[in-house]
Amino acid sequence: MTCPCGICEERFVGCHAECDAYKAWQNDRREIIKQRKVISEKKALVHDYVAETGAALRKRRRGKR
């Protein structure tokens, strides 16, 4: 999603405070960022679990020798 300011013909200094199109874009952008953060956190949890499980399995295998 591209910022609407690039095609806006009514731009002026400080217009972000008043522009409804910019505010809507900013809200959508914040929501997308939140969703990406949630997905990233879930991936990190899975990665950590897999890494810890692998380490525990390797440790057990070394003990059986």
PDB file of N, CA and C in Angstrom:
ATOM      1  N   MET A   1       0.845  -1.170   0.000  1.00  0.00           N
ATOM      2  CA  MET A   1       0.000   0.000   0.000  1.00  0.00           C
ATOM      3  C   MET A   1       0.892   1.235   0.000  1.00  0.00           C
ATOM      4  N   THR A   2       0.677   2.096  -0.945  1.00  0.00           N
ATOM      5  CA  THR A   2       1.512   3.270  -1.126  1.00  0.00           C
ATOM      6  C   THR A   2       0.878   4.474  -0.439  1.00  0.00           C
ATOM      7  N   CYS A   3       1.710   5.290   0.142  1.00  0.00           N
ATOM      8  CA  CYS A   3       1.246   6.507   0.809  1.00  0.00           C
ATOM      9  C   CYS A   3       0.529   7.399  -0.204  1.00  0.00           C
ATOM     10  N   PRO A   4      -0.647   7.906   0.158  1.00  0.00           N
ATOM     11  CA  PRO A   4      -1.413   8.728  -0.769  1.00  0.00           C
ATOM     12  C   PRO A   4      -0.782  10.098  -1.037  1.00  0.00           C
ATOM     13  N   CYS A   5       0.196  10.471  -0.294  1.00  0.00           N
ATOM     14  CA  CYS A   5       0.808  11.797  -0.438  1.00  0.00           C
ATOM     15  C   CYS A   5       1.543  11.971  -1.766  1.00  0.00           C
ATOM     16  N   GLY A   6       2.035  10.871  -2.328  1.00  0.00           N
ATOM     17  CA  GLY A   6       2.803  10.950  -3.566  1.00  0.00           C
ATOM     18  C   GLY A   6       1.999  11.440  -4.757  1.00  0.00           C
ATOM     19  N   ILE A   7       0.684  11.191  -4.737  1.00  0.00           N
ATOM     20  CA  ILE A   7      -0.158  11.614  -5.861  1.00  0.00           C
ATOM     21  C   ILE A   7      -1.071  12.783  -5.497  1.00  0.00           C
ATOM     22  N   CYS A   8      -0.977  13.245  -4.273  1.00  0.00           N
ATOM     23  CA  CYS A   8      -1.862  14.309  -3.789  1.00  0.00           C
ATOM     24  C   CYS A   8      -1.454  15.662  -4.378  1.00  0.00           C
ATOM     25  N   GLU A   9      -2.445  16.362  -4.889  1.00  0.00           N
ATOM     26  CA  GLU A   9      -2.189  17.697  -5.456  1.00  0.00           C
ATOM     27  C   GLU A   9      -2.474  18.809  -4.456  1.00  0.00           C
ATOM     28  N   GLU A  10      -2.974  18.447  -3.285  1.00  0.00           N
ATOM     29  CA  GLU A  10      -3.325  19.450  -2.280  1.00  0.00           C
ATOM     30  C   GLU A  10      -2.358  19.440  -1.100  1.00  0.00           C
ATOM     31  N   ARG A  11      -1.141  18.970  -1.313  1.00  0.00           N
ATOM     32  CA  ARG A  11      -0.163  18.877  -0.233  1.00  0.00           C
ATOM     33  C   ARG A  11       0.301  20.247   0.224  1.00  0.00           C
ATOM     34  N   PHE A  12       0.558  20.347   1.526  1.00  0.00           N
ATOM     35  CA  PHE A  12       1.146  21.542   2.110  1.00  0.00           C
ATOM     36  C   PHE A  12       1.830  21.130   3.406  1.00  0.00           C
ATOM     37  N   VAL A  13       2.668  21.984   3.933  1.00  0.00           N
ATOM     38  CA  VAL A  13       3.388  21.677   5.158  1.00  0.00           C
ATOM     39  C   VAL A  13       2.385  21.482   6.291  1.00  0.00           C
ATOM     40  N   GLY A  14       2.469  20.324   6.947  1.00  0.00           N
ATOM     41  CA  GLY A  14       1.594  20.031   8.076  1.00  0.00           C
ATOM     42  C   GLY A  14       0.268  19.398   7.687  1.00  0.00           C
ATOM     43  N   CYS A  15       0.081  19.016   6.433  1.00  0.00           N
ATOM     44  CA  CYS A  15      -1.209  18.482   5.992  1.00  0.00           C
ATOM     45  C   CYS A  15      -1.535  17.116   6.605  1.00  0.00           C
ATOM     46  N   HIS A  16      -0.555  16.374   7.093  1.00  0.00           N
ATOM     47  CA  HIS A  16      -0.830  15.063   7.689  1.00  0.00           C
ATOM     48  C   HIS A  16      -1.777  15.176   8.877  1.00  0.00           C
ATOM     49  N   ALA A  17      -1.758  16.269   9.570  1.00  0.00           N
ATOM     50  CA  ALA A  17      -2.634  16.452  10.726  1.00  0.00           C
ATOM     51  C   ALA A  17      -4.092  16.583  10.319  1.00  0.00           C
ATOM     52  N   GLU A  18      -4.346  17.001   9.078  1.00  0.00           N
ATOM     53  CA  GLU A  18      -5.711  17.249   8.633  1.00  0.00           C
ATOM     54  C   GLU A  18      -6.215  16.271   7.574  1.00  0.00           C
ATOM     55  N   CYS A  19      -5.342  15.564   6.907  1.00  0.00           N
ATOM     56  CA  CYS A  19      -5.695  14.755   5.735  1.00  0.00           C
ATOM     57  C   CYS A  19      -6.330  13.418   6.140  1.00  0.00           C
ATOM     58  N   ASP A  20      -7.596  13.220   5.738  1.00  0.00           N
ATOM     59  CA  ASP A  20      -8.291  11.976   6.051  1.00  0.00           C
ATOM     60  C   ASP A  20      -7.698  10.786   5.295  1.00  0.00           C
ATOM     61  N   ALA A  21      -7.269  11.009   4.056  1.00  0.00           N
ATOM     62  CA  ALA A  21      -6.669   9.924   3.271  1.00  0.00           C
ATOM     63  C   ALA A  21      -5.379   9.447   3.941  1.00  0.00           C
ATOM     64  N   TYR A  22      -4.568  10.366   4.439  1.00  0.00           N
ATOM     65  CA  TYR A  22      -3.326   9.989   5.108  1.00  0.00           C
ATOM     66  C   TYR A  22      -3.630   9.248   6.411  1.00  0.00           C
ATOM     67  N   LYS A  23      -4.610   9.741   7.159  1.00  0.00           N
ATOM     68  CA  LYS A  23      -4.960   9.091   8.430  1.00  0.00           C
ATOM     69  C   LYS A  23      -5.447   7.668   8.196  1.00  0.00           C
ATOM     70  N   ALA A  24      -6.268   7.454   7.170  1.00  0.00           N
ATOM     71  CA  ALA A  24      -6.756   6.110   6.856  1.00  0.00           C
ATOM     72  C   ALA A  24      -5.592   5.214   6.443  1.00  0.00           C
ATOM     73  N   TRP A  25      -4.699   5.739   5.613  1.00  0.00           N
ATOM     74  CA  TRP A  25      -3.536   4.973   5.182  1.00  0.00           C
ATOM     75  C   TRP A  25      -2.666   4.606   6.386  1.00  0.00           C
ATOM     76  N   GLN A  26      -2.450   5.550   7.270  1.00  0.00           N
ATOM     77  CA  GLN A  26      -1.612   5.330   8.451  1.00  0.00           C
ATOM     78  C   GLN A  26      -2.231   4.257   9.356  1.00  0.00           C
ATOM     79  N   ASN A  27      -3.550   4.300   9.537  1.00  0.00           N
ATOM     80  CA  ASN A  27      -4.220   3.284  10.362  1.00  0.00           C
ATOM     81  C   ASN A  27      -4.091   1.899   9.731  1.00  0.00           C
ATOM     82  N   ASP A  28      -4.278   1.808   8.414  1.00  0.00           N
ATOM     83  CA  ASP A  28      -4.115   0.528   7.724  1.00  0.00           C
ATOM     84  C   ASP A  28      -2.688   0.030   7.861  1.00  0.00           C
ATOM     85  N   ARG A  29      -1.743   0.926   7.730  1.00  0.00           N
ATOM     86  CA  ARG A  29      -0.320   0.576   7.833  1.00  0.00           C
ATOM     87  C   ARG A  29       0.019   0.057   9.231  1.00  0.00           C
ATOM     88  N   ARG A  30      -0.517   0.714  10.247  1.00  0.00           N
ATOM     89  CA  ARG A  30      -0.269   0.264  11.626  1.00  0.00           C
ATOM     90  C   ARG A  30      -0.837  -1.133  11.855  1.00  0.00           C
ATOM     91  N   GLU A  31      -2.019  -1.397  11.305  1.00  0.00           N
ATOM     92  CA  GLU A  31      -2.640  -2.715  11.446  1.00  0.00           C
ATOM     93  C   GLU A  31      -1.791  -3.789  10.764  1.00  0.00           C
ATOM     94  N   ILE A  32      -1.289  -3.502   9.585  1.00  0.00           N
ATOM     95  CA  ILE A  32      -0.435  -4.451   8.873  1.00  0.00           C
ATOM     96  C   ILE A  32       0.830  -4.723   9.678  1.00  0.00           C
ATOM     97  N   ILE A  33       1.414  -3.690  10.243  1.00  0.00           N
ATOM     98  CA  ILE A  33       2.625  -3.849  11.054  1.00  0.00           C
ATOM     99  C   ILE A  33       2.345  -4.713  12.280  1.00  0.00           C
ATOM    100  N   LYS A  34       1.180  -4.505  12.922  1.00  0.00           N
ATOM    101  CA  LYS A  34       0.809  -5.325  14.083  1.00  0.00           C
ATOM    102  C   LYS A  34       0.665  -6.792  13.685  1.00  0.00           C
ATOM    103  N   GLN A  35       0.015  -7.042  12.544  1.00  0.00           N
ATOM    104  CA  GLN A  35      -0.169  -8.414  12.074  1.00  0.00           C
ATOM    105  C   GLN A  35       1.172  -9.068  11.772  1.00  0.00           C
ATOM    106  N   ARG A  36       2.074  -8.335  11.149  1.00  0.00           N
ATOM    107  CA  ARG A  36       3.398  -8.872  10.849  1.00  0.00           C
ATOM    108  C   ARG A  36       4.166  -9.184  12.120  1.00  0.00           C
ATOM    109  N   LYS A  37       4.002  -8.346  13.136  1.00  0.00           N
ATOM    110  CA  LYS A  37       4.689  -8.564  14.406  1.00  0.00           C
ATOM    111  C   LYS A  37       4.190  -9.846  15.072  1.00  0.00           C
ATOM    112  N   VAL A  38       2.876 -10.062  15.039  1.00  0.00           N
ATOM    113  CA  VAL A  38       2.307 -11.275  15.621  1.00  0.00           C
ATOM    114  C   VAL A  38       2.847 -12.507  14.903  1.00  0.00           C
ATOM    115  N   ILE A  39       2.869 -12.465  13.580  1.00  0.00           N
ATOM    116  CA  ILE A  39       3.384 -13.592  12.796  1.00  0.00           C
ATOM    117  C   ILE A  39       4.857 -13.824  13.118  1.00  0.00           C
ATOM    118  N   SER A  40       5.624 -12.754  13.212  1.00  0.00           N
ATOM    119  CA  SER A  40       7.049 -12.868  13.518  1.00  0.00           C
ATOM    120  C   SER A  40       7.274 -13.473  14.898  1.00  0.00           C
ATOM    121  N   GLU A  41       6.465 -13.066  15.867  1.00  0.00           N
ATOM    122  CA  GLU A  41       6.604 -13.607  17.219  1.00  0.00           C
ATOM    123  C   GLU A  41       6.269 -15.094  17.247  1.00  0.00           C
ATOM    124  N   LYS A  42       5.241 -15.499  16.493  1.00  0.00           N
ATOM    125  CA  LYS A  42       4.881 -16.916  16.424  1.00  0.00           C
ATOM    126  C   LYS A  42       6.006 -17.721  15.790  1.00  0.00           C
ATOM    127  N   LYS A  43       6.589 -17.191  14.727  1.00  0.00           N
ATOM    128  CA  LYS A  43       7.696 -17.883  14.068  1.00  0.00           C
ATOM    129  C   LYS A  43       8.880 -18.013  15.014  1.00  0.00           C
ATOM    130  N   ALA A  44       9.138 -16.985  15.798  1.00  0.00           N
ATOM    131  CA  ALA A  44      10.252 -17.027  16.743  1.00  0.00           C
ATOM    132  C   ALA A  44      10.011 -18.092  17.811  1.00  0.00           C
ATOM    133  N   LEU A  45       8.768 -18.208  18.280  1.00  0.00           N
ATOM    134  CA  LEU A  45       8.447 -19.238  19.274  1.00  0.00           C
ATOM    135  C   LEU A  45       8.680 -20.637  18.704  1.00  0.00           C
ATOM    136  N   VAL A  46       8.229 -20.854  17.491  1.00  0.00           N
ATOM    137  CA  VAL A  46       8.417 -22.156  16.855  1.00  0.00           C
ATOM    138  C   VAL A  46       9.905 -22.432  16.666  1.00  0.00           C
ATOM    139  N   HIS A  47      10.640 -21.433  16.189  1.00  0.00           N
ATOM    140  CA  HIS A  47      12.074 -21.603  15.973  1.00  0.00           C
ATOM    141  C   HIS A  47      12.780 -21.950  17.282  1.00  0.00           C
ATOM    142  N   ASP A  48      12.459 -21.227  18.346  1.00  0.00           N
ATOM    143  CA  ASP A  48      13.078 -21.498  19.642  1.00  0.00           C
ATOM    144  C   ASP A  48      12.750 -22.907  20.136  1.00  0.00           C
ATOM    145  N   TYR A  49      11.488 -23.321  19.962  1.00  0.00           N
ATOM    146  CA  TYR A  49      11.082 -24.655  20.400  1.00  0.00           C
ATOM    147  C   TYR A  49      11.858 -25.725  19.640  1.00  0.00           C
ATOM    148  N   VAL A  50      11.946 -25.567  18.324  1.00  0.00           N
ATOM    149  CA  VAL A  50      12.665 -26.550  17.508  1.00  0.00           C
ATOM    150  C   VAL A  50      14.141 -26.582  17.897  1.00  0.00           C
ATOM    151  N   ALA A  51      14.732 -25.435  18.099  1.00  0.00           N
ATOM    152  CA  ALA A  51      16.148 -25.372  18.467  1.00  0.00           C
ATOM    153  C   ALA A  51      16.392 -26.027  19.826  1.00  0.00           C
ATOM    154  N   GLU A  52      15.528 -25.744  20.790  1.00  0.00           N
ATOM    155  CA  GLU A  52      15.694 -26.323  22.124  1.00  0.00           C
ATOM    156  C   GLU A  52      15.473 -27.828  22.104  1.00  0.00           C
ATOM    157  N   THR A  53      14.480 -28.276  21.341  1.00  0.00           N
ATOM    158  CA  THR A  53      14.216 -29.710  21.242  1.00  0.00           C
ATOM    159  C   THR A  53      15.392 -30.422  20.596  1.00  0.00           C
ATOM    160  N   GLY A  54      15.931 -29.846  19.535  1.00  0.00           N
ATOM    161  CA  GLY A  54      17.091 -30.437  18.881  1.00  0.00           C
ATOM    162  C   GLY A  54      18.286 -30.516  19.810  1.00  0.00           C
ATOM    163  N   ALA A  55      18.502 -29.468  20.573  1.00  0.00           N
ATOM    164  CA  ALA A  55      19.626 -29.456  21.513  1.00  0.00           C
ATOM    165  C   ALA A  55      19.440 -30.519  22.586  1.00  0.00           C
ATOM    166  N   ALA A  56      18.210 -30.669  23.065  1.00  0.00           N
ATOM    167  CA  ALA A  56      17.944 -31.675  24.090  1.00  0.00           C
ATOM    168  C   ALA A  56      18.148 -33.079  23.538  1.00  0.00           C
ATOM    169  N   LEU A  57      17.713 -33.309  22.302  1.00  0.00           N
ATOM    170  CA  LEU A  57      17.913 -34.630  21.690  1.00  0.00           C
ATOM    171  C   LEU A  57      19.389 -34.936  21.494  1.00  0.00           C
ATOM    172  N   ARG A  58      20.150 -33.960  21.035  1.00  0.00           N
ATOM    173  CA  ARG A  58      21.591 -34.167  20.863  1.00  0.00           C
ATOM    174  C   ARG A  58      22.263 -34.461  22.200  1.00  0.00           C
ATOM    175  N   LYS A  59      21.824 -33.795  23.240  1.00  0.00           N
ATOM    176  CA  LYS A  59      22.409 -33.995  24.564  1.00  0.00           C
ATOM    177  C   LYS A  59      22.114 -35.414  25.056  1.00  0.00           C
ATOM    178  N   ARG A  60      20.872 -35.888  24.835  1.00  0.00           N
ATOM    179  CA  ARG A  60      20.515 -37.235  25.249  1.00  0.00           C
ATOM    180  C   ARG A  60      21.311 -38.283  24.474  1.00  0.00           C
ATOM    181  N   ARG A  61      21.484 -38.046  23.186  1.00  0.00           N
ATOM    182  CA  ARG A  61      22.226 -39.004  22.350  1.00  0.00           C
ATOM    183  C   ARG A  61      23.678 -39.106  22.812  1.00  0.00           C
ATOM    184  N   ARG A  62      24.248 -37.970  23.178  1.00  0.00           N
ATOM    185  CA  ARG A  62      25.644 -37.991  23.658  1.00  0.00           C
ATOM    186  C   ARG A  62      25.760 -38.768  24.943  1.00  0.00           C
ATOM    187  N   GLY A  63      24.736 -38.711  25.771  1.00  0.00           N
ATOM    188  CA  GLY A  63      24.768 -39.418  27.070  1.00  0.00           C
ATOM    189  C   GLY A  63      24.643 -40.919  26.924  1.00  0.00           C
ATOM    190  N   LYS A  64      24.061 -41.402  25.820  1.00  0.00           N
ATOM    191  CA  LYS A  64      23.850 -42.830  25.630  1.00  0.00           C
ATOM    192  C   LYS A  64      25.092 -43.545  25.107  1.00  0.00           C
ATOM    193  N   ARG A  65      26.062 -42.835  24.652  1.00  0.00           N
ATOM    194  CA  ARG A  65      27.255 -43.461  24.076  1.00  0.00           C
ATOM    195  C   ARG A  65      28.137 -44.065  25.106  1.00  0.00           C
TER     196      ARG A  65
END
